[in-house]
Amino acid sequence: MVAEGLGLFVPVTAWLFAPEGIFILSCLIGWTLLALAITDWRVFILPDAMNAVLVVLGAAFIVLHARDDWLHHLAGGLAGFLILFSVEVAYKALRGQDGLGRGDAKLLGGLGLWLGWTRLPEVLLFASAFGLTFALLSGRSRTEGEPGQTPLAFGPWLALGAWTSWLAGPLLVSS
């Protein structure tokens, strides 16, 4: 029931806030982000196939609406992947255990391709703020065992952060 409501949330918010002339593509990207978020929430996996759909939609956005800025978006895809890949590798080296999955890096890479490299900091800021707020309000940050050992999927928060950035972008970034 919740997924259906969120599925309706995508076109409503896209209609109200997405950049003009990009409603259908915005909905497709939004529904892809929603599918990624729900999957990661339920099973802690961001499937490659779903991330690939986001990459294809990001490429379609570039071809249809951002041809002059293709390098900016390509740099965003590469930077997005490398940022979270570096965090994943560094965390594993320091803590000796996984703390972030490769799917998160692929997701941020797809988001960078779609939004461009300059929007990655706001996506990460929104995602971190949403995830931290959820963890604190839900009590997920407290466990009976060792502190910091409760798993929390980051994909849903990346998706929500990207959707927020996309919809609020004209307000946050001057053209």
N, C-alpha and C. Protein backbone atom coordinates (compact mmCIF):
# COMPACT_ATOMS: atom_id res chain seq x y z
N MET A 1 0.82 -1.19 0.00
CA MET A 1 0.00 0.00 0.00
C MET A 1 0.87 1.26 0.00
N VAL A 2 1.91 1.27 0.78
CA VAL A 2 2.79 2.43 0.85
C VAL A 2 3.47 2.66 -0.49
N ALA A 3 3.93 1.58 -1.14
CA ALA A 3 4.61 1.71 -2.43
C ALA A 3 3.70 2.34 -3.48
N GLU A 4 2.41 1.99 -3.48
CA GLU A 4 1.48 2.56 -4.44
C GLU A 4 1.33 4.06 -4.19
N GLY A 5 1.23 4.44 -2.93
CA GLY A 5 1.12 5.86 -2.59
C GLY A 5 2.35 6.64 -3.01
N LEU A 6 3.51 6.04 -2.80
CA LEU A 6 4.74 6.69 -3.22
C LEU A 6 4.83 6.74 -4.74
N GLY A 7 4.29 5.71 -5.40
CA GLY A 7 4.27 5.72 -6.86
C GLY A 7 3.46 6.88 -7.41
N LEU A 8 2.39 7.27 -6.72
CA LEU A 8 1.60 8.42 -7.10
C LEU A 8 2.29 9.73 -6.72
N PHE A 9 3.07 9.70 -5.67
CA PHE A 9 3.83 10.87 -5.22
C PHE A 9 4.78 11.37 -6.32
N VAL A 10 5.35 10.44 -7.07
CA VAL A 10 6.32 10.81 -8.11
C VAL A 10 5.70 11.73 -9.16
N PRO A 11 4.62 11.33 -9.85
CA PRO A 11 4.10 12.24 -10.87
C PRO A 11 3.51 13.53 -10.31
N VAL A 12 2.96 13.47 -9.12
CA VAL A 12 2.40 14.68 -8.53
C VAL A 12 3.52 15.70 -8.26
N THR A 13 4.60 15.24 -7.64
CA THR A 13 5.70 16.17 -7.36
C THR A 13 6.43 16.58 -8.64
N ALA A 14 6.52 15.67 -9.60
CA ALA A 14 7.14 16.03 -10.88
C ALA A 14 6.31 17.09 -11.59
N TRP A 15 5.00 16.93 -11.57
CA TRP A 15 4.11 17.90 -12.21
C TRP A 15 4.26 19.28 -11.57
N LEU A 16 4.36 19.29 -10.25
CA LEU A 16 4.43 20.55 -9.53
C LEU A 16 5.81 21.22 -9.57
N PHE A 17 6.88 20.41 -9.54
CA PHE A 17 8.20 21.00 -9.29
C PHE A 17 9.29 20.70 -10.30
N ALA A 18 9.12 19.69 -11.14
CA ALA A 18 10.21 19.33 -12.06
C ALA A 18 10.41 20.44 -13.09
N PRO A 19 11.62 20.53 -13.63
CA PRO A 19 11.87 21.52 -14.67
C PRO A 19 10.88 21.37 -15.82
N GLU A 20 10.50 22.50 -16.39
CA GLU A 20 9.50 22.51 -17.47
C GLU A 20 9.96 21.69 -18.67
N GLY A 21 9.03 20.93 -19.23
CA GLY A 21 9.30 20.16 -20.44
C GLY A 21 9.95 18.81 -20.19
N ILE A 22 10.07 18.41 -18.93
CA ILE A 22 10.76 17.15 -18.61
C ILE A 22 9.89 16.27 -17.71
N PHE A 23 8.57 16.40 -17.83
CA PHE A 23 7.67 15.67 -16.95
C PHE A 23 7.81 14.16 -17.10
N ILE A 24 7.71 13.65 -18.32
CA ILE A 24 7.72 12.19 -18.53
C ILE A 24 9.06 11.60 -18.09
N LEU A 25 10.16 12.21 -18.51
CA LEU A 25 11.48 11.71 -18.10
C LEU A 25 11.65 11.81 -16.59
N SER A 26 11.15 12.89 -16.00
CA SER A 26 11.21 13.03 -14.54
C SER A 26 10.46 11.89 -13.85
N CYS A 27 9.29 11.55 -14.36
CA CYS A 27 8.51 10.44 -13.77
C CYS A 27 9.27 9.13 -13.89
N LEU A 28 9.84 8.88 -15.06
CA LEU A 28 10.59 7.63 -15.25
C LEU A 28 11.77 7.55 -14.29
N ILE A 29 12.48 8.64 -14.14
CA ILE A 29 13.61 8.67 -13.20
C ILE A 29 13.09 8.51 -11.77
N GLY A 30 12.02 9.21 -11.44
CA GLY A 30 11.45 9.12 -10.09
C GLY A 30 11.01 7.71 -9.74
N TRP A 31 10.34 7.05 -10.68
CA TRP A 31 9.89 5.67 -10.42
C TRP A 31 11.08 4.71 -10.31
N THR A 32 12.13 4.98 -11.09
CA THR A 32 13.33 4.15 -10.97
C THR A 32 13.97 4.34 -9.60
N LEU A 33 14.05 5.59 -9.17
CA LEU A 33 14.59 5.86 -7.83
C LEU A 33 13.74 5.21 -6.75
N LEU A 34 12.44 5.25 -6.92
CA LEU A 34 11.53 4.63 -5.96
C LEU A 34 11.75 3.12 -5.90
N ALA A 35 11.87 2.48 -7.06
CA ALA A 35 12.11 1.03 -7.09
C ALA A 35 13.44 0.69 -6.43
N LEU A 36 14.47 1.49 -6.70
CA LEU A 36 15.77 1.27 -6.06
C LEU A 36 15.66 1.43 -4.55
N ALA A 37 14.98 2.47 -4.12
CA ALA A 37 14.85 2.75 -2.68
C ALA A 37 14.11 1.62 -1.96
N ILE A 38 13.00 1.18 -2.53
CA ILE A 38 12.21 0.11 -1.90
C ILE A 38 13.01 -1.19 -1.84
N THR A 39 13.70 -1.49 -2.93
CA THR A 39 14.50 -2.72 -2.96
C THR A 39 15.61 -2.67 -1.91
N ASP A 40 16.32 -1.56 -1.85
CA ASP A 40 17.42 -1.45 -0.88
C ASP A 40 16.88 -1.47 0.55
N TRP A 41 15.75 -0.84 0.77
CA TRP A 41 15.12 -0.81 2.10
C TRP A 41 14.80 -2.23 2.57
N ARG A 42 14.27 -3.03 1.64
CA ARG A 42 13.82 -4.37 2.00
C ARG A 42 14.94 -5.40 2.09
N VAL A 43 15.91 -5.35 1.16
CA VAL A 43 16.90 -6.42 1.10
C VAL A 43 18.36 -5.94 1.10
N PHE A 44 18.58 -4.65 1.30
CA PHE A 44 19.93 -4.09 1.37
C PHE A 44 20.74 -4.37 0.10
N ILE A 45 20.07 -4.31 -1.05
CA ILE A 45 20.75 -4.50 -2.33
C ILE A 45 20.20 -3.48 -3.32
N LEU A 46 21.10 -2.87 -4.08
CA LEU A 46 20.73 -2.01 -5.20
C LEU A 46 21.12 -2.75 -6.47
N PRO A 47 20.17 -3.43 -7.10
CA PRO A 47 20.49 -4.28 -8.25
C PRO A 47 21.12 -3.51 -9.41
N ASP A 48 22.11 -4.15 -10.03
CA ASP A 48 22.79 -3.54 -11.17
C ASP A 48 21.82 -3.18 -12.28
N ALA A 49 20.84 -4.03 -12.53
CA ALA A 49 19.88 -3.76 -13.61
C ALA A 49 19.11 -2.47 -13.37
N MET A 50 18.71 -2.25 -12.12
CA MET A 50 17.98 -1.01 -11.80
C MET A 50 18.90 0.20 -11.90
N ASN A 51 20.13 0.06 -11.43
CA ASN A 51 21.09 1.15 -11.57
C ASN A 51 21.36 1.43 -13.04
N ALA A 52 21.38 0.39 -13.87
CA ALA A 52 21.59 0.56 -15.31
C ALA A 52 20.44 1.35 -15.94
N VAL A 53 19.23 1.11 -15.48
CA VAL A 53 18.09 1.88 -15.99
C VAL A 53 18.29 3.36 -15.67
N LEU A 54 18.75 3.65 -14.46
CA LEU A 54 19.01 5.04 -14.09
C LEU A 54 20.08 5.67 -14.99
N VAL A 55 21.11 4.90 -15.30
CA VAL A 55 22.18 5.39 -16.19
C VAL A 55 21.61 5.67 -17.58
N VAL A 56 20.79 4.76 -18.10
CA VAL A 56 20.19 4.95 -19.43
C VAL A 56 19.29 6.19 -19.43
N LEU A 57 18.50 6.36 -18.37
CA LEU A 57 17.64 7.54 -18.28
C LEU A 57 18.47 8.82 -18.15
N GLY A 58 19.59 8.74 -17.43
CA GLY A 58 20.49 9.89 -17.34
C GLY A 58 21.08 10.24 -18.69
N ALA A 59 21.46 9.22 -19.45
CA ALA A 59 21.98 9.45 -20.80
C ALA A 59 20.90 10.04 -21.70
N ALA A 60 19.66 9.56 -21.56
CA ALA A 60 18.55 10.12 -22.34
C ALA A 60 18.33 11.59 -21.99
N PHE A 61 18.44 11.91 -20.71
CA PHE A 61 18.31 13.31 -20.29
C PHE A 61 19.37 14.17 -20.96
N ILE A 62 20.61 13.68 -20.96
CA ILE A 62 21.70 14.44 -21.58
C ILE A 62 21.41 14.67 -23.07
N VAL A 63 21.05 13.62 -23.78
CA VAL A 63 20.80 13.71 -25.23
C VAL A 63 19.64 14.64 -25.52
N LEU A 64 18.57 14.54 -24.74
CA LEU A 64 17.36 15.31 -25.01
C LEU A 64 17.37 16.73 -24.46
N HIS A 65 18.09 16.95 -23.34
CA HIS A 65 17.94 18.23 -22.65
C HIS A 65 19.25 18.90 -22.22
N ALA A 66 20.36 18.23 -22.35
CA ALA A 66 21.60 18.82 -21.81
C ALA A 66 22.80 18.55 -22.71
N ARG A 67 22.60 18.56 -24.01
CA ARG A 67 23.70 18.24 -24.93
C ARG A 67 24.90 19.15 -24.75
N ASP A 68 24.66 20.42 -24.49
CA ASP A 68 25.77 21.36 -24.34
C ASP A 68 26.58 21.12 -23.07
N ASP A 69 25.98 20.47 -22.10
CA ASP A 69 26.64 20.21 -20.81
C ASP A 69 27.00 18.74 -20.63
N TRP A 70 27.16 18.00 -21.71
CA TRP A 70 27.39 16.56 -21.61
C TRP A 70 28.62 16.24 -20.78
N LEU A 71 29.68 17.05 -20.88
CA LEU A 71 30.90 16.77 -20.12
C LEU A 71 30.66 16.96 -18.62
N HIS A 72 29.89 17.96 -18.27
CA HIS A 72 29.50 18.22 -16.88
C HIS A 72 28.77 17.00 -16.29
N HIS A 73 27.89 16.41 -17.07
CA HIS A 73 27.12 15.25 -16.61
C HIS A 73 27.98 13.98 -16.60
N LEU A 74 28.81 13.83 -17.59
CA LEU A 74 29.72 12.68 -17.60
C LEU A 74 30.67 12.74 -16.41
N ALA A 75 31.19 13.92 -16.11
CA ALA A 75 32.05 14.09 -14.93
C ALA A 75 31.27 13.78 -13.66
N GLY A 76 29.98 14.12 -13.64
CA GLY A 76 29.14 13.81 -12.48
C GLY A 76 28.98 12.32 -12.28
N GLY A 77 28.81 11.58 -13.38
CA GLY A 77 28.70 10.13 -13.28
C GLY A 77 29.96 9.51 -12.72
N LEU A 78 31.10 9.93 -13.25
CA LEU A 78 32.38 9.39 -12.79
C LEU A 78 32.67 9.81 -11.35
N ALA A 79 32.45 11.07 -11.04
CA ALA A 79 32.72 11.56 -9.68
C ALA A 79 31.80 10.89 -8.67
N GLY A 80 30.51 10.75 -9.02
CA GLY A 80 29.57 10.12 -8.11
C GLY A 80 30.00 8.71 -7.75
N PHE A 81 30.37 7.93 -8.77
CA PHE A 81 30.83 6.57 -8.51
C PHE A 81 32.08 6.58 -7.65
N LEU A 82 33.07 7.39 -8.02
CA LEU A 82 34.35 7.38 -7.32
C LEU A 82 34.26 7.86 -5.87
N ILE A 83 33.36 8.80 -5.61
CA ILE A 83 33.20 9.30 -4.23
C ILE A 83 32.81 8.15 -3.30
N LEU A 84 31.72 7.45 -3.63
CA LEU A 84 31.26 6.40 -2.71
C LEU A 84 32.09 5.12 -2.83
N PHE A 85 32.69 4.88 -3.97
CA PHE A 85 33.62 3.75 -4.08
C PHE A 85 34.80 3.98 -3.14
N SER A 86 35.31 5.21 -3.09
CA SER A 86 36.42 5.55 -2.19
C SER A 86 36.02 5.39 -0.73
N VAL A 87 34.80 5.82 -0.40
CA VAL A 87 34.31 5.66 0.98
C VAL A 87 34.20 4.18 1.32
N GLU A 88 33.67 3.39 0.40
CA GLU A 88 33.53 1.95 0.61
C GLU A 88 34.89 1.30 0.88
N VAL A 89 35.86 1.59 0.05
CA VAL A 89 37.19 0.99 0.17
C VAL A 89 37.89 1.47 1.44
N ALA A 90 37.80 2.76 1.74
CA ALA A 90 38.45 3.30 2.94
C ALA A 90 37.84 2.72 4.21
N TYR A 91 36.52 2.62 4.26
CA TYR A 91 35.85 2.07 5.43
C TYR A 91 36.27 0.62 5.65
N LYS A 92 36.30 -0.14 4.57
CA LYS A 92 36.70 -1.56 4.69
C LYS A 92 38.13 -1.67 5.18
N ALA A 93 39.01 -0.80 4.69
CA ALA A 93 40.42 -0.83 5.10
C ALA A 93 40.57 -0.43 6.58
N LEU A 94 39.80 0.54 7.01
CA LEU A 94 39.92 1.02 8.39
C LEU A 94 39.21 0.13 9.40
N ARG A 95 38.04 -0.36 9.05
CA ARG A 95 37.22 -1.12 10.00
C ARG A 95 37.28 -2.63 9.79
N GLY A 96 37.77 -3.06 8.63
CA GLY A 96 37.85 -4.49 8.36
C GLY A 96 36.52 -5.15 8.07
N GLN A 97 35.51 -4.37 7.75
CA GLN A 97 34.19 -4.91 7.42
C GLN A 97 33.52 -3.98 6.42
N ASP A 98 32.53 -4.51 5.72
CA ASP A 98 31.79 -3.69 4.77
C ASP A 98 30.93 -2.69 5.51
N GLY A 99 30.89 -1.47 4.99
CA GLY A 99 30.04 -0.45 5.56
C GLY A 99 29.17 0.21 4.52
N LEU A 100 29.50 -0.02 3.27
CA LEU A 100 28.78 0.57 2.15
C LEU A 100 28.91 -0.39 0.99
N GLY A 101 27.82 -0.61 0.30
CA GLY A 101 27.87 -1.54 -0.83
C GLY A 101 28.25 -0.86 -2.12
N ARG A 102 28.70 -1.64 -3.07
CA ARG A 102 29.08 -1.10 -4.38
C ARG A 102 27.87 -0.51 -5.11
N GLY A 103 26.68 -1.03 -4.80
CA GLY A 103 25.46 -0.50 -5.42
C GLY A 103 25.25 0.97 -5.10
N ASP A 104 25.65 1.40 -3.90
CA ASP A 104 25.53 2.82 -3.53
C ASP A 104 26.41 3.68 -4.43
N ALA A 105 27.62 3.20 -4.71
CA ALA A 105 28.53 3.93 -5.60
C ALA A 105 27.95 3.99 -7.01
N LYS A 106 27.39 2.89 -7.47
CA LYS A 106 26.77 2.86 -8.81
C LYS A 106 25.56 3.79 -8.86
N LEU A 107 24.79 3.80 -7.79
CA LEU A 107 23.63 4.69 -7.73
C LEU A 107 24.07 6.15 -7.79
N LEU A 108 25.05 6.54 -6.99
CA LEU A 108 25.50 7.93 -7.02
C LEU A 108 26.13 8.27 -8.37
N GLY A 109 26.76 7.30 -9.00
CA GLY A 109 27.27 7.52 -10.35
C GLY A 109 26.14 7.82 -11.32
N GLY A 110 25.07 7.04 -11.26
CA GLY A 110 23.91 7.29 -12.10
C GLY A 110 23.27 8.64 -11.81
N LEU A 111 23.23 8.98 -10.54
CA LEU A 111 22.67 10.28 -10.15
C LEU A 111 23.54 11.42 -10.65
N GLY A 112 24.85 11.24 -10.60
CA GLY A 112 25.76 12.25 -11.10
C GLY A 112 25.64 12.44 -12.60
N LEU A 113 25.41 11.34 -13.31
CA LEU A 113 25.20 11.42 -14.76
C LEU A 113 23.94 12.23 -15.06
N TRP A 114 22.93 12.01 -14.31
CA TRP A 114 21.65 12.69 -14.49
C TRP A 114 21.72 14.15 -14.04
N LEU A 115 22.29 14.42 -12.86
CA LEU A 115 22.25 15.76 -12.27
C LEU A 115 23.50 16.60 -12.57
N GLY A 116 24.61 15.96 -12.90
CA GLY A 116 25.85 16.70 -13.10
C GLY A 116 26.67 16.75 -11.82
N TRP A 117 27.96 17.00 -11.97
CA TRP A 117 28.87 16.92 -10.83
C TRP A 117 28.62 17.99 -9.78
N THR A 118 28.13 19.16 -10.18
CA THR A 118 27.95 20.24 -9.21
C THR A 118 26.79 19.98 -8.25
N ARG A 119 25.91 19.07 -8.59
CA ARG A 119 24.76 18.79 -7.73
C ARG A 119 25.03 17.65 -6.75
N LEU A 120 26.16 16.95 -6.91
CA LEU A 120 26.46 15.83 -6.02
C LEU A 120 26.56 16.23 -4.55
N PRO A 121 27.20 17.36 -4.20
CA PRO A 121 27.26 17.72 -2.78
C PRO A 121 25.88 17.90 -2.14
N GLU A 122 24.95 18.51 -2.85
CA GLU A 122 23.62 18.69 -2.26
C GLU A 122 22.88 17.36 -2.15
N VAL A 123 23.07 16.46 -3.11
CA VAL A 123 22.46 15.13 -3.02
C VAL A 123 22.97 14.42 -1.78
N LEU A 124 24.28 14.44 -1.58
CA LEU A 124 24.86 13.78 -0.41
C LEU A 124 24.45 14.46 0.89
N LEU A 125 24.33 15.78 0.86
CA LEU A 125 23.88 16.50 2.06
C LEU A 125 22.44 16.13 2.40
N PHE A 126 21.55 16.17 1.40
CA PHE A 126 20.16 15.78 1.64
C PHE A 126 20.08 14.33 2.10
N ALA A 127 20.76 13.43 1.41
CA ALA A 127 20.70 12.00 1.74
C ALA A 127 21.19 11.75 3.16
N SER A 128 22.30 12.36 3.51
CA SER A 128 22.84 12.17 4.86
C SER A 128 21.91 12.75 5.92
N ALA A 129 21.35 13.92 5.65
CA ALA A 129 20.43 14.53 6.61
C ALA A 129 19.16 13.69 6.79
N PHE A 130 18.60 13.21 5.67
CA PHE A 130 17.39 12.37 5.76
C PHE A 130 17.69 11.06 6.49
N GLY A 131 18.79 10.42 6.13
CA GLY A 131 19.15 9.15 6.76
C GLY A 131 19.45 9.30 8.24
N LEU A 132 20.19 10.34 8.59
CA LEU A 132 20.51 10.58 10.00
C LEU A 132 19.25 10.89 10.80
N THR A 133 18.38 11.72 10.24
CA THR A 133 17.13 12.05 10.92
C THR A 133 16.30 10.79 11.16
N PHE A 134 16.20 9.95 10.13
CA PHE A 134 15.47 8.69 10.30
C PHE A 134 16.10 7.83 11.39
N ALA A 135 17.42 7.70 11.34
CA ALA A 135 18.10 6.84 12.32
C ALA A 135 17.86 7.34 13.74
N LEU A 136 17.93 8.64 13.93
CA LEU A 136 17.74 9.19 15.27
C LEU A 136 16.30 9.08 15.74
N LEU A 137 15.36 9.38 14.85
CA LEU A 137 13.95 9.34 15.24
C LEU A 137 13.42 7.93 15.41
N SER A 138 13.96 6.99 14.67
CA SER A 138 13.46 5.61 14.75
C SER A 138 14.17 4.79 15.81
N GLY A 139 15.23 5.33 16.38
CA GLY A 139 15.99 4.57 17.36
C GLY A 139 16.95 3.59 16.72
N ARG A 140 17.14 3.66 15.39
CA ARG A 140 18.04 2.74 14.70
C ARG A 140 19.49 2.95 15.10
N SER A 141 19.78 4.10 15.69
CA SER A 141 21.16 4.37 16.08
C SER A 141 21.52 3.70 17.40
N ARG A 142 20.50 3.14 18.09
CA ARG A 142 20.74 2.47 19.37
C ARG A 142 20.54 0.97 19.21
N THR A 143 21.49 0.22 19.69
CA THR A 143 21.36 -1.24 19.67
C THR A 143 21.77 -1.78 21.02
N GLU A 144 21.42 -3.02 21.25
CA GLU A 144 21.84 -3.65 22.50
C GLU A 144 23.30 -4.06 22.43
N GLY A 145 23.79 -4.28 21.22
CA GLY A 145 25.18 -4.68 21.03
C GLY A 145 26.09 -3.46 20.94
N GLU A 146 27.08 -3.60 20.12
CA GLU A 146 28.07 -2.54 19.93
C GLU A 146 27.45 -1.36 19.18
N PRO A 147 27.71 -0.11 19.64
CA PRO A 147 27.17 1.06 18.95
C PRO A 147 27.64 1.11 17.49
N GLY A 148 26.76 1.59 16.63
CA GLY A 148 27.10 1.75 15.23
C GLY A 148 27.03 0.46 14.42
N GLN A 149 26.44 -0.59 14.95
CA GLN A 149 26.38 -1.87 14.25
C GLN A 149 25.01 -2.17 13.64
N THR A 150 24.06 -1.25 13.78
CA THR A 150 22.74 -1.47 13.19
C THR A 150 22.80 -1.11 11.72
N PRO A 151 22.50 -2.04 10.81
CA PRO A 151 22.55 -1.72 9.39
C PRO A 151 21.43 -0.75 8.99
N LEU A 152 21.77 0.15 8.10
CA LEU A 152 20.81 1.12 7.58
C LEU A 152 21.11 1.30 6.10
N ALA A 153 20.16 0.98 5.27
CA ALA A 153 20.35 1.14 3.82
C ALA A 153 20.52 2.62 3.50
N PHE A 154 21.51 2.92 2.65
CA PHE A 154 21.75 4.31 2.27
C PHE A 154 21.06 4.64 0.94
N GLY A 155 20.74 3.64 0.14
CA GLY A 155 20.11 3.85 -1.15
C GLY A 155 18.81 4.65 -1.09
N PRO A 156 17.91 4.33 -0.14
CA PRO A 156 16.67 5.12 -0.07
C PRO A 156 16.92 6.60 0.17
N TRP A 157 17.94 6.87 0.96
CA TRP A 157 18.23 8.27 1.28
C TRP A 157 18.93 8.96 0.12
N LEU A 158 19.77 8.23 -0.61
CA LEU A 158 20.36 8.79 -1.83
C LEU A 158 19.26 9.11 -2.85
N ALA A 159 18.31 8.19 -3.00
CA ALA A 159 17.21 8.40 -3.94
C ALA A 159 16.37 9.61 -3.54
N LEU A 160 16.03 9.71 -2.27
CA LEU A 160 15.24 10.84 -1.79
C LEU A 160 16.03 12.14 -1.90
N GLY A 161 17.32 12.08 -1.60
CA GLY A 161 18.15 13.27 -1.73
C GLY A 161 18.24 13.74 -3.17
N ALA A 162 18.36 12.80 -4.10
CA ALA A 162 18.44 13.16 -5.52
C ALA A 162 17.11 13.72 -6.02
N TRP A 163 16.01 13.10 -5.61
CA TRP A 163 14.70 13.59 -6.04
C TRP A 163 14.47 15.00 -5.49
N THR A 164 14.84 15.22 -4.24
CA THR A 164 14.72 16.55 -3.64
C THR A 164 15.58 17.55 -4.39
N SER A 165 16.80 17.17 -4.70
CA SER A 165 17.70 18.04 -5.45
C SER A 165 17.13 18.36 -6.83
N TRP A 166 16.60 17.35 -7.51
CA TRP A 166 16.02 17.55 -8.83
C TRP A 166 14.85 18.52 -8.79
N LEU A 167 13.96 18.34 -7.80
CA LEU A 167 12.77 19.17 -7.72
C LEU A 167 13.08 20.56 -7.20
N ALA A 168 14.00 20.66 -6.27
CA ALA A 168 14.33 21.97 -5.69
C ALA A 168 15.50 22.64 -6.40
N GLY A 169 16.09 21.95 -7.37
CA GLY A 169 17.26 22.47 -8.07
C GLY A 169 17.14 23.88 -8.56
N PRO A 170 16.05 24.23 -9.24
CA PRO A 170 15.94 25.62 -9.70
C PRO A 170 15.97 26.64 -8.56
N LEU A 171 15.58 26.23 -7.38
CA LEU A 171 15.63 27.13 -6.22
C LEU A 171 17.03 27.17 -5.60
N LEU A 172 17.78 26.06 -5.73
CA LEU A 172 19.08 25.95 -5.08
C LEU A 172 20.25 26.38 -5.96
N VAL A 173 20.12 26.17 -7.26
CA VAL A 173 21.23 26.44 -8.18
C VAL A 173 20.78 27.48 -9.20
N SER A 174 21.54 28.56 -9.27
CA SER A 174 21.19 29.57 -10.25
C SER A 174 21.56 29.11 -11.65
N SER A 175 20.77 29.47 -12.61
CA SER A 175 21.00 29.03 -14.00
C SER A 175 22.09 29.83 -14.65
